[in-house]
Protein backbone atom coordinates (compact mmCIF):
# COMPACT_ATOMS: atom_id res chain seq x y z
CA LEU A 1 -78.15 -83.78 -53.95
CA ASN A 2 -77.58 -86.92 -51.34
CA TYR A 3 -81.31 -87.25 -51.69
CA MET A 4 -81.36 -87.51 -55.42
CA LEU A 5 -78.38 -89.63 -55.53
CA GLY A 6 -80.03 -91.89 -52.75
CA CYS A 7 -83.18 -92.37 -54.82
CA ASN A 8 -81.06 -93.34 -57.91
CA TYR A 9 -78.97 -95.75 -56.03
CA VAL A 10 -82.41 -97.42 -54.54
CA GLU A 11 -84.03 -97.34 -58.22
CA ALA A 12 -80.91 -99.28 -59.44
CA GLU A 13 -81.27 -101.84 -56.35
CA GLU A 14 -78.00 -100.51 -54.81
CA VAL A 15 -80.34 -100.24 -51.65
CA GLY A 16 -77.21 -100.20 -49.12
CA THR A 17 -75.62 -97.09 -50.86
CA GLY A 18 -79.12 -95.43 -51.37
CA GLU A 19 -79.82 -95.85 -47.90
CA GLU A 20 -76.31 -94.13 -46.87
CA ARG A 21 -77.11 -91.22 -48.99
CA LEU A 22 -80.63 -90.53 -47.73
CA LEU A 23 -79.48 -90.75 -44.25
CA LEU A 24 -76.73 -88.21 -44.99
CA SER A 25 -79.72 -85.80 -46.48
CA LEU A 26 -81.77 -86.50 -43.57
CA GLN A 27 -78.92 -85.61 -41.11
CA ALA A 28 -77.88 -82.56 -42.94
CA ILE A 29 -81.52 -80.94 -42.47
CA GLU A 30 -82.28 -82.56 -39.08
CA ALA A 31 -82.05 -79.20 -37.36
CA GLU A 32 -84.32 -77.17 -39.83
CA LYS A 33 -86.68 -79.90 -41.01
CA MET A 34 -89.59 -77.85 -39.27
CA LYS A 35 -88.79 -74.81 -42.10
CA PRO A 36 -90.78 -74.76 -45.29
CA ARG A 37 -87.65 -75.05 -47.32
CA TYR A 38 -86.86 -78.80 -45.74
CA CYS A 39 -89.91 -80.27 -44.48
CA GLY A 40 -91.26 -81.93 -47.47
CA LEU A 41 -88.04 -83.35 -48.39
CA ALA A 42 -87.61 -84.75 -44.76
CA VAL A 43 -90.85 -86.31 -45.26
CA GLN A 44 -90.17 -87.95 -48.55
CA VAL A 45 -86.82 -89.12 -47.18
CA LEU A 46 -88.61 -90.74 -44.26
CA ASN A 47 -91.18 -92.41 -46.49
CA ILE A 48 -88.40 -93.91 -48.80
CA LEU A 49 -86.51 -95.22 -45.75
CA GLY A 50 -89.58 -96.85 -44.49
CA ILE A 51 -90.45 -98.38 -47.92
CA LEU A 52 -86.80 -99.70 -47.89
CA TRP A 53 -86.99 -101.41 -44.69
CA ALA A 54 -90.35 -102.82 -45.34
CA GLY A 55 -88.78 -104.47 -48.44
CA ARG A 56 -86.24 -105.92 -46.14
CA GLU A 57 -89.12 -107.32 -44.02
CA ASP A 58 -88.00 -105.43 -41.02
CA ASN A 59 -91.39 -103.94 -40.47
CA ASN A 60 -90.72 -102.68 -36.92
CA LYS A 61 -87.73 -100.32 -38.31
CA ALA A 62 -90.23 -99.40 -41.25
CA LEU A 63 -92.97 -98.46 -38.84
CA GLU A 64 -90.35 -96.25 -36.88
CA TYR A 65 -89.72 -94.09 -40.08
CA MET A 66 -93.35 -94.09 -41.15
CA LYS A 67 -94.54 -92.94 -37.76
CA SER A 68 -91.56 -90.17 -37.77
CA SER A 69 -92.88 -89.14 -41.09
CA GLU A 70 -96.74 -88.67 -39.93
CA GLN A 71 -95.50 -86.91 -36.74
CA LEU A 72 -93.30 -84.50 -38.81
CA TYR A 73 -96.47 -83.66 -40.96
CA ASN A 74 -98.75 -83.18 -37.88
CA GLU A 75 -96.29 -80.95 -36.15
CA TYR A 76 -95.61 -78.81 -39.39
CA SER A 77 -99.26 -78.42 -40.26
CA THR A 78 -100.13 -77.31 -36.59
CA ALA A 79 -97.25 -74.80 -36.72
CA THR A 80 -97.58 -72.99 -39.84
CA GLU A 81 -99.90 -72.59 -43.16
CA VAL A 82 -97.00 -72.15 -45.14
CA ALA A 83 -96.79 -74.90 -47.95
CA PRO A 84 -93.13 -76.60 -47.85
CA PHE A 85 -91.01 -76.10 -50.59
CA THR A 86 -90.81 -79.15 -53.39
CA ILE A 87 -87.47 -80.73 -54.41
CA ARG A 88 -87.39 -78.68 -57.47
CA ASP A 89 -88.13 -75.31 -55.64
CA MET A 90 -85.03 -76.14 -53.81
CA ILE A 91 -82.69 -75.90 -56.86
CA VAL A 92 -84.62 -73.42 -58.93
CA HIS A 93 -84.70 -69.39 -58.70
CA GLU A 94 -87.33 -68.01 -56.35
CA ASP A 95 -89.24 -66.69 -59.73
CA GLN A 96 -89.47 -70.33 -60.70
CA PHE A 97 -91.05 -71.56 -57.45
CA THR A 98 -93.94 -73.96 -57.77
CA PRO A 99 -97.41 -72.36 -56.92
CA GLU A 100 -98.08 -72.59 -52.93
CA ASP A 101 -101.59 -74.36 -53.69
CA GLU A 102 -99.74 -77.08 -55.86
CA ARG A 103 -96.99 -77.03 -53.04
CA GLN A 104 -99.76 -77.83 -50.74
CA ALA A 105 -101.57 -80.59 -52.78
CA LEU A 106 -98.18 -82.29 -53.13
CA PHE A 107 -97.42 -82.12 -49.30
CA GLU A 108 -100.87 -83.62 -48.78
CA SER A 109 -100.22 -86.30 -51.36
CA HIS A 110 -96.92 -87.31 -49.73
CA HIS A 111 -98.81 -87.40 -46.47
CA THR A 112 -101.53 -89.73 -48.04
CA HIS A 113 -98.72 -92.03 -49.09
CA THR A 114 -97.49 -92.24 -45.72
CA LEU A 115 -100.98 -93.11 -44.32
CA PHE A 116 -101.16 -95.98 -46.85
CA TYR A 117 -97.53 -97.23 -45.94
CA LEU A 118 -98.42 -97.02 -42.35
CA ALA A 119 -101.64 -99.22 -43.11
CA GLN A 120 -99.37 -101.99 -44.99
CA VAL A 121 -96.77 -101.98 -42.23
CA TYR A 122 -99.26 -102.64 -39.50
CA GLY A 123 -101.14 -105.22 -41.55
CA LYS A 124 -97.56 -107.01 -41.88
CA LEU A 125 -97.18 -106.60 -37.81
CA GLU A 126 -100.70 -108.38 -37.56
CA MET A 127 -102.10 -105.17 -35.83
CA SER A 128 -105.27 -105.44 -37.76
CA MET A 129 -107.20 -102.62 -35.94
CA GLU A 130 -104.44 -99.97 -36.36
CA SER A 131 -104.26 -101.13 -39.94
CA ALA A 132 -107.85 -100.65 -40.71
CA GLU A 133 -107.84 -97.20 -39.14
CA TYR A 134 -105.03 -95.99 -41.35
CA CYS A 135 -106.56 -97.60 -44.31
CA TYR A 136 -109.74 -95.87 -43.78
CA VAL A 137 -108.39 -92.65 -43.25
CA THR A 138 -106.14 -92.97 -46.57
CA LEU A 139 -109.43 -93.98 -48.61
CA LYS A 140 -111.15 -90.80 -47.08
CA ARG A 141 -108.03 -88.50 -47.99
CA GLN A 142 -107.88 -89.95 -51.53
CA LEU A 143 -111.70 -89.37 -52.15
CA GLU A 144 -111.31 -85.66 -50.53
CA THR A 145 -108.44 -84.75 -52.93
CA LYS A 146 -109.87 -87.04 -55.75
CA GLN A 147 -106.43 -88.33 -56.41
CA TYR A 148 -106.99 -92.29 -56.72
CA ASP A 149 -107.46 -94.85 -59.08
CA GLN A 150 -111.10 -96.02 -58.98
CA ILE A 151 -110.20 -99.80 -59.32
CA GLU A 152 -107.67 -99.77 -56.79
CA TRP A 153 -109.65 -97.88 -54.46
CA SER A 154 -112.68 -100.13 -54.63
CA LEU A 155 -110.55 -103.24 -53.99
CA ASN A 156 -108.99 -101.66 -50.98
CA CYS A 157 -112.44 -100.54 -49.61
CA ALA A 158 -113.71 -103.87 -49.94
CA THR A 159 -110.44 -105.30 -48.12
CA LEU A 160 -111.37 -102.75 -45.37
CA ALA A 161 -114.92 -104.41 -45.07
CA GLN A 162 -113.43 -107.76 -44.48
CA TYR A 163 -111.58 -106.25 -41.50
CA TYR A 164 -114.93 -105.09 -40.07
CA LEU A 165 -116.26 -108.53 -40.63
CA THR A 166 -113.75 -110.03 -38.51
CA VAL A 167 -114.96 -107.78 -35.45
CA HIS A 168 -118.51 -108.42 -36.41
CA ASP A 169 -119.26 -104.79 -37.25
CA TYR A 170 -121.57 -105.66 -40.19
CA LEU A 171 -123.00 -102.01 -40.29
CA SER A 172 -119.39 -100.91 -41.24
CA ALA A 173 -118.87 -103.85 -43.49
CA ARG A 174 -121.85 -103.60 -45.31
CA TYR A 175 -121.18 -99.59 -46.05
CA CYS A 176 -117.58 -100.31 -47.27
CA LEU A 177 -118.64 -102.92 -49.60
CA ALA A 178 -121.55 -100.65 -50.74
CA CYS A 179 -119.13 -97.75 -51.33
CA ALA A 180 -116.59 -100.27 -53.16
CA ASN A 181 -119.76 -100.94 -55.55
CA LYS A 182 -120.38 -97.17 -55.88
CA ILE A 183 -116.91 -96.40 -56.98
CA ALA A 184 -116.34 -99.40 -59.25
CA SER A 185 -119.52 -98.60 -60.98
CA GLN A 186 -118.25 -95.28 -61.94
CA VAL A 187 -115.36 -96.58 -64.03
CA ILE A 188 -115.13 -95.57 -67.65
CA VAL A 189 -113.12 -97.92 -70.01
CA ALA A 190 -111.34 -95.79 -72.39
CA SER A 191 -111.05 -97.11 -75.88
CA ASP A 192 -107.24 -97.22 -75.85
CA GLN A 193 -107.34 -99.36 -72.75
CA GLN A 194 -110.10 -101.76 -73.52
CA ASP A 195 -108.82 -105.15 -73.19
CA ASP A 196 -106.41 -104.45 -70.23
CA HIS A 197 -108.52 -102.09 -68.28
CA SER A 198 -111.80 -104.19 -68.95
CA GLU A 199 -110.12 -107.36 -67.50
CA LYS A 200 -109.05 -105.49 -64.35
CA LEU A 201 -112.60 -104.07 -63.92
CA LEU A 202 -114.16 -107.27 -64.35
CA LYS A 203 -111.83 -108.93 -61.82
CA CYS A 204 -112.46 -106.03 -59.48
CA LYS A 205 -116.27 -106.53 -59.52
CA ALA A 206 -116.01 -110.16 -58.89
CA ASP A 207 -113.78 -109.48 -56.02
CA ILE A 208 -116.03 -107.15 -54.60
CA SER A 209 -119.00 -109.78 -55.14
CA ARG A 210 -117.01 -112.28 -53.44
CA CYS A 211 -116.85 -110.15 -50.52
CA TRP A 212 -120.45 -109.80 -50.45
CA VAL A 213 -121.07 -113.50 -50.46
CA LYS A 214 -118.67 -113.65 -47.38
CA PHE A 215 -120.66 -110.92 -45.67
CA CYS A 216 -123.99 -112.57 -46.15
CA LEU A 217 -122.62 -115.70 -45.06
CA GLN A 218 -121.24 -114.40 -41.88
CA VAL A 219 -124.35 -112.59 -41.05
CA LEU A 220 -126.32 -115.51 -41.46
CA GLN A 221 -123.86 -117.74 -39.64
CA ASP A 222 -123.62 -115.47 -36.67
CA SER A 223 -127.27 -115.35 -36.66
CA LYS A 224 -127.88 -119.09 -36.45
CA GLU A 225 -125.39 -119.35 -33.72
CA LYS A 226 -127.15 -116.38 -31.78
CA LEU A 227 -130.53 -118.28 -32.35
CA GLU A 228 -129.07 -121.73 -31.17
CA GLU A 229 -127.62 -120.05 -28.19
CA ALA A 230 -130.86 -118.44 -27.32
CA VAL A 231 -132.93 -121.58 -27.38
CA SER A 232 -130.22 -123.25 -25.19
CA THR A 233 -130.53 -120.57 -22.70
CA ASP A 234 -134.37 -120.03 -23.26
CA GLU A 235 -133.76 -116.48 -24.02
CA GLN A 236 -135.98 -114.46 -26.50
CA PRO A 237 -133.99 -113.86 -29.61
CA GLU A 238 -133.36 -110.33 -30.73
CA SER A 239 -135.79 -109.28 -33.81
CA ALA A 240 -134.05 -108.58 -36.89
CA THR A 241 -135.89 -105.38 -37.20
CA GLY A 242 -135.37 -104.20 -33.76
CA GLU A 243 -132.65 -101.59 -33.10
CA THR A 244 -129.90 -103.69 -31.88
CA THR A 245 -127.41 -104.84 -34.34
CA MET A 246 -124.98 -107.78 -33.64
CA GLU A 247 -122.23 -105.37 -33.12
CA THR A 248 -121.82 -102.04 -34.59
CA SER A 249 -119.03 -99.55 -34.42
CA HIS A 250 -119.49 -95.91 -33.06
CA ASP A 251 -116.68 -94.46 -35.01
CA ARG A 252 -117.79 -96.04 -38.08
CA PRO A 253 -116.33 -95.28 -41.45
CA LEU A 254 -117.94 -92.46 -43.47
CA PHE A 255 -117.17 -91.23 -46.89
CA ASP A 256 -118.94 -88.39 -48.98
CA LEU A 257 -120.85 -91.07 -50.91
CA ASP A 258 -124.33 -91.88 -51.35
CA VAL A 259 -124.50 -95.63 -51.56
CA SER A 260 -128.24 -96.15 -50.24
CA GLU A 261 -128.95 -98.04 -53.58
CA PHE A 262 -126.37 -100.74 -52.53
CA GLU A 263 -127.42 -101.08 -49.05
CA ASP A 264 -131.14 -101.11 -48.97
CA ASP A 265 -132.77 -104.50 -47.98
CA ILE A 266 -129.60 -106.09 -46.92
CA PRO A 267 -129.85 -106.65 -42.64
CA VAL A 268 -127.06 -106.14 -40.49
CA SER A 269 -129.07 -107.28 -37.68
CA CYS A 270 -129.63 -110.81 -36.04
CA VAL A 271 -132.02 -112.24 -38.42
CA VAL A 272 -134.69 -114.52 -36.79
CA THR A 273 -137.21 -115.62 -39.81
CA PHE A 274 -136.73 -117.12 -42.64
CA GLU A 275 -138.22 -114.34 -44.70
CA ASP A 276 -135.34 -111.97 -43.41
CA ALA A 277 -132.74 -114.83 -43.89
CA ARG A 278 -133.74 -115.18 -47.15
CA LEU A 279 -132.83 -111.56 -47.83
CA LEU A 280 -129.16 -112.06 -47.16
CA PHE A 281 -129.41 -115.18 -49.19
CA LEU A 282 -130.75 -113.91 -52.25
CA CYS A 283 -128.21 -111.00 -51.98
CA GLY A 284 -125.48 -113.67 -51.48
CA GLN A 285 -126.91 -115.49 -54.62
CA GLN A 286 -126.86 -112.43 -56.78
CA HIS A 287 -123.06 -111.77 -56.08
CA ILE A 288 -122.23 -115.72 -56.69
CA THR A 289 -123.66 -115.04 -60.22
CA LEU A 290 -121.80 -111.87 -60.47
CA ALA A 291 -118.48 -113.70 -59.34
CA ARG A 292 -118.93 -116.52 -61.79
CA GLN A 293 -118.79 -114.01 -64.80
CA TYR A 294 -115.10 -113.76 -64.14
CA TYR A 295 -114.09 -116.46 -62.21
CA VAL A 296 -114.91 -119.59 -64.57
CA LEU A 297 -113.87 -122.89 -64.01
CA ASP A 298 -111.35 -123.17 -67.07
CA GLY A 299 -108.69 -120.76 -66.14
CA PHE A 300 -110.00 -119.88 -62.50
CA THR A 301 -110.41 -123.29 -60.91
CA SER A 302 -109.68 -123.05 -57.39
CA ASP A 303 -111.49 -119.72 -57.20
CA TYR A 304 -114.50 -121.18 -59.05
CA VAL A 305 -114.63 -123.87 -56.43
CA SER A 306 -114.55 -121.60 -53.66
CA VAL A 307 -117.39 -119.65 -55.05
CA THR A 308 -119.54 -122.96 -55.55
CA GLN A 309 -118.70 -124.03 -52.01
CA ASP A 310 -119.81 -120.62 -50.79
CA TYR A 311 -123.16 -120.93 -52.61
CA SER A 312 -123.51 -124.55 -51.04
CA HIS A 313 -122.65 -122.98 -47.37
CA LEU A 314 -125.60 -120.26 -48.39
CA PHE A 315 -128.18 -122.96 -49.03
CA LYS A 316 -126.86 -124.92 -45.73
CA VAL A 317 -127.39 -121.70 -43.50
CA LEU A 318 -130.72 -120.85 -45.12
CA ALA A 319 -131.99 -124.34 -44.44
CA PHE A 320 -131.55 -123.77 -40.66
CA PHE A 321 -133.95 -120.94 -40.84
CA GLU A 322 -136.74 -123.28 -42.86
CA SER A 323 -139.35 -125.13 -40.53
CA ASP A 324 -140.30 -127.36 -43.34
CA CYS A 325 -138.39 -130.46 -43.65
CA ASP A 326 -139.35 -130.96 -47.30
CA ARG A 327 -138.14 -127.67 -47.90
CA GLN A 328 -135.02 -128.21 -46.29
CA CYS A 329 -134.31 -131.36 -48.06
CA ARG A 330 -134.76 -129.64 -51.31
CA MET A 331 -131.97 -126.87 -50.32
CA HIS A 332 -129.68 -129.70 -49.34
CA LYS A 333 -130.27 -131.39 -52.73
CA ARG A 334 -129.32 -128.44 -54.54
CA ARG A 335 -126.35 -128.25 -52.65
CA ALA A 336 -125.37 -132.05 -53.32
CA GLU A 337 -126.16 -131.54 -56.97
CA MET A 338 -123.85 -128.37 -57.36
CA LEU A 339 -121.03 -129.89 -55.47
CA GLN A 340 -121.10 -133.29 -57.55
CA GLU A 341 -121.31 -131.29 -60.64
CA THR A 342 -118.26 -129.53 -59.80
CA VAL A 343 -116.41 -132.89 -58.91
CA LYS A 344 -117.30 -134.36 -62.27
CA GLN A 345 -115.30 -131.56 -63.99
CA LEU A 346 -112.11 -131.53 -61.95
CA ASN A 347 -109.29 -133.93 -62.58
CA PRO A 348 -108.37 -135.53 -59.23
CA GLN A 349 -104.84 -136.08 -60.66
CA PHE A 350 -104.41 -132.39 -60.12
CA TYR A 351 -107.03 -131.18 -57.78
CA LEU A 352 -107.06 -134.13 -55.31
CA MET A 353 -107.36 -132.35 -52.17
CA ILE A 354 -110.42 -130.14 -53.37
CA CYS A 355 -112.04 -133.23 -54.69
CA ARG A 356 -111.75 -134.70 -51.30
CA GLN A 357 -113.45 -131.54 -49.69
CA LEU A 358 -116.26 -131.47 -52.17
CA ILE A 359 -116.86 -135.15 -51.77
CA PHE A 360 -116.92 -135.17 -47.96
CA GLU A 361 -119.28 -132.35 -48.08
CA VAL A 362 -121.69 -134.00 -50.69
CA ALA A 363 -121.50 -137.12 -48.21
CA GLU A 364 -122.47 -134.82 -45.14
CA THR A 365 -125.17 -133.20 -47.05
CA TYR A 366 -126.93 -136.72 -48.18
CA ASN A 367 -126.42 -137.62 -44.52
CA THR A 368 -128.11 -134.62 -43.20
CA MET A 369 -130.94 -135.50 -45.85
CA VAL A 370 -131.52 -138.88 -44.37
CA ASP A 371 -132.09 -137.41 -40.92
CA LEU A 372 -134.67 -134.84 -42.44
CA LYS A 373 -136.45 -137.79 -44.14
CA TYR A 374 -136.67 -139.53 -41.06
CA SER A 375 -138.11 -136.45 -39.24
CA ILE A 376 -140.50 -136.43 -41.88
CA ALA A 377 -141.70 -139.98 -41.56
CA GLU A 378 -141.84 -139.69 -37.56
CA GLN A 379 -144.15 -136.63 -38.22
CA LYS A 380 -146.68 -138.70 -40.25
CA SER A 381 -149.08 -141.01 -38.79
CA GLY A 382 -149.12 -144.49 -39.59
CA PRO A 383 -146.12 -146.59 -40.93
CA PRO A 384 -143.65 -144.94 -43.81
CA THR A 385 -145.21 -145.65 -47.33
CA PRO A 386 -143.02 -147.69 -49.97
CA HIS A 387 -142.14 -144.70 -51.79
CA MET A 388 -140.76 -143.02 -48.55
CA ILE A 389 -138.71 -146.18 -47.55
CA LYS A 390 -137.48 -146.18 -51.02
CA LYS A 391 -136.39 -142.67 -50.97
CA ILE A 392 -134.81 -142.98 -47.55
CA ASN A 393 -132.83 -146.18 -48.53
CA GLN A 394 -131.79 -144.36 -51.88
CA LEU A 395 -130.32 -141.26 -49.79
CA VAL A 396 -128.57 -143.52 -47.20
CA GLN A 397 -126.86 -145.47 -50.19
CA GLN A 398 -125.89 -142.08 -51.81
CA ALA A 399 -124.20 -141.01 -48.42
CA VAL A 400 -122.38 -144.24 -47.96
CA ASP A 401 -121.26 -144.23 -51.48
CA GLN A 402 -119.95 -140.75 -51.10
CA PHE A 403 -117.88 -141.58 -47.83
CA GLN A 404 -116.60 -144.57 -49.65
CA ALA A 405 -115.63 -142.38 -52.37
CA PHE A 406 -113.66 -140.19 -50.04
CA VAL A 407 -111.94 -143.11 -48.43
CA ASP A 408 -111.07 -144.45 -51.81
CA SER A 409 -109.46 -141.23 -52.72
CA PHE A 410 -106.54 -142.23 -50.41
CA ARG A 411 -105.75 -145.41 -52.55
CA ASP A 412 -102.75 -145.58 -54.57
CA HIS A 413 -102.61 -146.57 -58.31
CA ARG A 414 -102.68 -150.33 -57.26
CA LYS A 415 -106.00 -149.53 -55.36
CA GLU A 416 -104.21 -150.20 -52.04
CA MET A 417 -104.74 -148.18 -49.06
CA PRO A 418 -101.53 -146.62 -47.41
CA LYS A 419 -99.81 -148.21 -44.27
CA THR A 420 -99.79 -145.23 -42.73
CA PHE A 421 -101.75 -141.66 -42.66
CA GLU A 422 -100.87 -138.05 -42.21
CA SER A 423 -102.16 -136.80 -39.01
CA ASP A 424 -104.43 -134.34 -40.66
CA SER A 425 -105.86 -136.93 -42.89
CA LEU A 426 -106.59 -139.49 -40.26
CA ARG A 427 -109.46 -137.81 -38.43
CA PRO A 428 -111.71 -137.24 -41.48
CA LEU A 429 -110.93 -140.90 -42.57
CA LEU A 430 -111.87 -142.31 -39.38
CA MET A 431 -115.18 -139.98 -39.47
CA ALA A 432 -115.93 -141.21 -42.86
CA LYS A 433 -115.76 -144.69 -41.78
CA PHE A 434 -117.91 -144.19 -38.61
CA CYS A 435 -120.35 -142.20 -40.54
CA ALA A 436 -120.68 -144.85 -43.21
CA ALA A 437 -121.19 -147.41 -40.41
CA ARG A 438 -123.90 -145.39 -38.87
CA LEU A 439 -125.73 -144.78 -41.98
CA TYR A 440 -126.20 -148.71 -42.47
CA THR A 441 -128.38 -148.78 -39.35
CA LYS A 442 -130.40 -146.20 -41.23
CA PHE A 443 -131.53 -148.61 -43.83
CA VAL A 444 -135.33 -149.61 -43.52
CA PHE A 445 -135.10 -153.08 -43.10
CA CYS A 446 -131.67 -152.83 -42.82
CA LEU A 447 -128.86 -155.47 -43.68
CA LEU A 448 -127.68 -156.42 -40.04
CA LEU A 449 -124.89 -158.34 -41.14
CA ARG A 450 -123.50 -155.72 -43.44
CA CYS A 451 -123.94 -153.15 -40.53
CA PHE A 452 -122.20 -155.30 -38.00
CA LEU A 453 -119.26 -155.81 -40.55
CA GLU A 454 -118.95 -152.01 -41.18
CA LEU A 455 -118.89 -151.22 -37.71
CA ARG A 456 -116.27 -153.76 -37.02
CA ARG A 457 -114.13 -152.29 -39.78
CA SER A 458 -114.54 -149.05 -38.06
CA GLU A 459 -113.08 -150.38 -34.81
CA VAL A 460 -109.69 -150.97 -36.51
CA PRO A 461 -108.51 -147.59 -37.82
CA HIS A 462 -104.74 -149.27 -38.93
CA GLU A 463 -106.76 -151.60 -41.16
CA LEU A 464 -107.94 -148.67 -43.31
């Protein structure tokens, strides 16, 4: 009775009174909670109390109740094979008891919820490893019992992959993303749920694709860093086709799913060659396209821009593995074009910070292209051709214009610069001025006076 009253009070948002009733019910069965009649009740009460304290943002207290629930389940399951009573069984006649297999299934379901809550609480406590472990166990139990929502399961599995990315366990990350794809691909939208369910499914698949993009970017970036480290120490980089992966888990997640179709040809090792890096790039590019089917500019502006920036970064990292400077330039040109096109579609009045980020990245991209064009010119015998000179000067001017556009974005409606700047704005402002000053020296037959004046302005930050 106290349990039912407690639940009613909690649902009615009279949490304090509800907690008192729940604690009374727990105290009444404390001595007999290991008996079949009371164990199921005790597990449910502990779960509700844990949720209650999590709602109060006292996650340590919530963790105590959830761990007590987990411990009680483990001790009872070890001690007996008799399924605990349901709440209904405690108030009906014996001949109306729930069948034992249904009681056991309900008891297992309550424990699955306990594990799910533990994953959430550990996440709130910033204990990522413990949270990931409980998330995996929860997902595994849901698959085994076939008691799960396919869309929710897919998203949770993709979220688990993000944890493995943070610890550089790319084998497990790829596997979890493949499992998320597998379950999401099995979703069937009923005719009476067409609009709402279709929207959720599209968003689910787009979010999984964005996780794949992050995966490809992370592996490429880590490969780049490892190669740079190997070059600096004169070590031989590991082959992408070798047995050694960057970092794998010995206790990797394993679900009863065949996901080979979603994993094939996606490296999880340190890529060394352009061909292997291109496999990751193409995977990321494919998922960029899928993500953009849902995250369009009109309606999901911030998400669309984030996806576009990821696409730009894919080109940037891929260019590192390309030895031909002309092809590198084309990749960076593609970056500049997509970013500039995005800036044109944004209203700086509402998306000023995003516009600044994109403009600065465009400026850096043109700056990189200038350096590449100089490398190409140095590799050729004889003086640079008029066409080459013109191209270099055009790129220099484009880079300077973009850095200036970044600086100008800080001007007020009177076109005046502020007297003071926020600390997080001052550094990029100075970088923009210094980079522009350096670029003036890159003009072929550069205007020395203009270069000198720009360098002079860069020496006086407070005159920005």
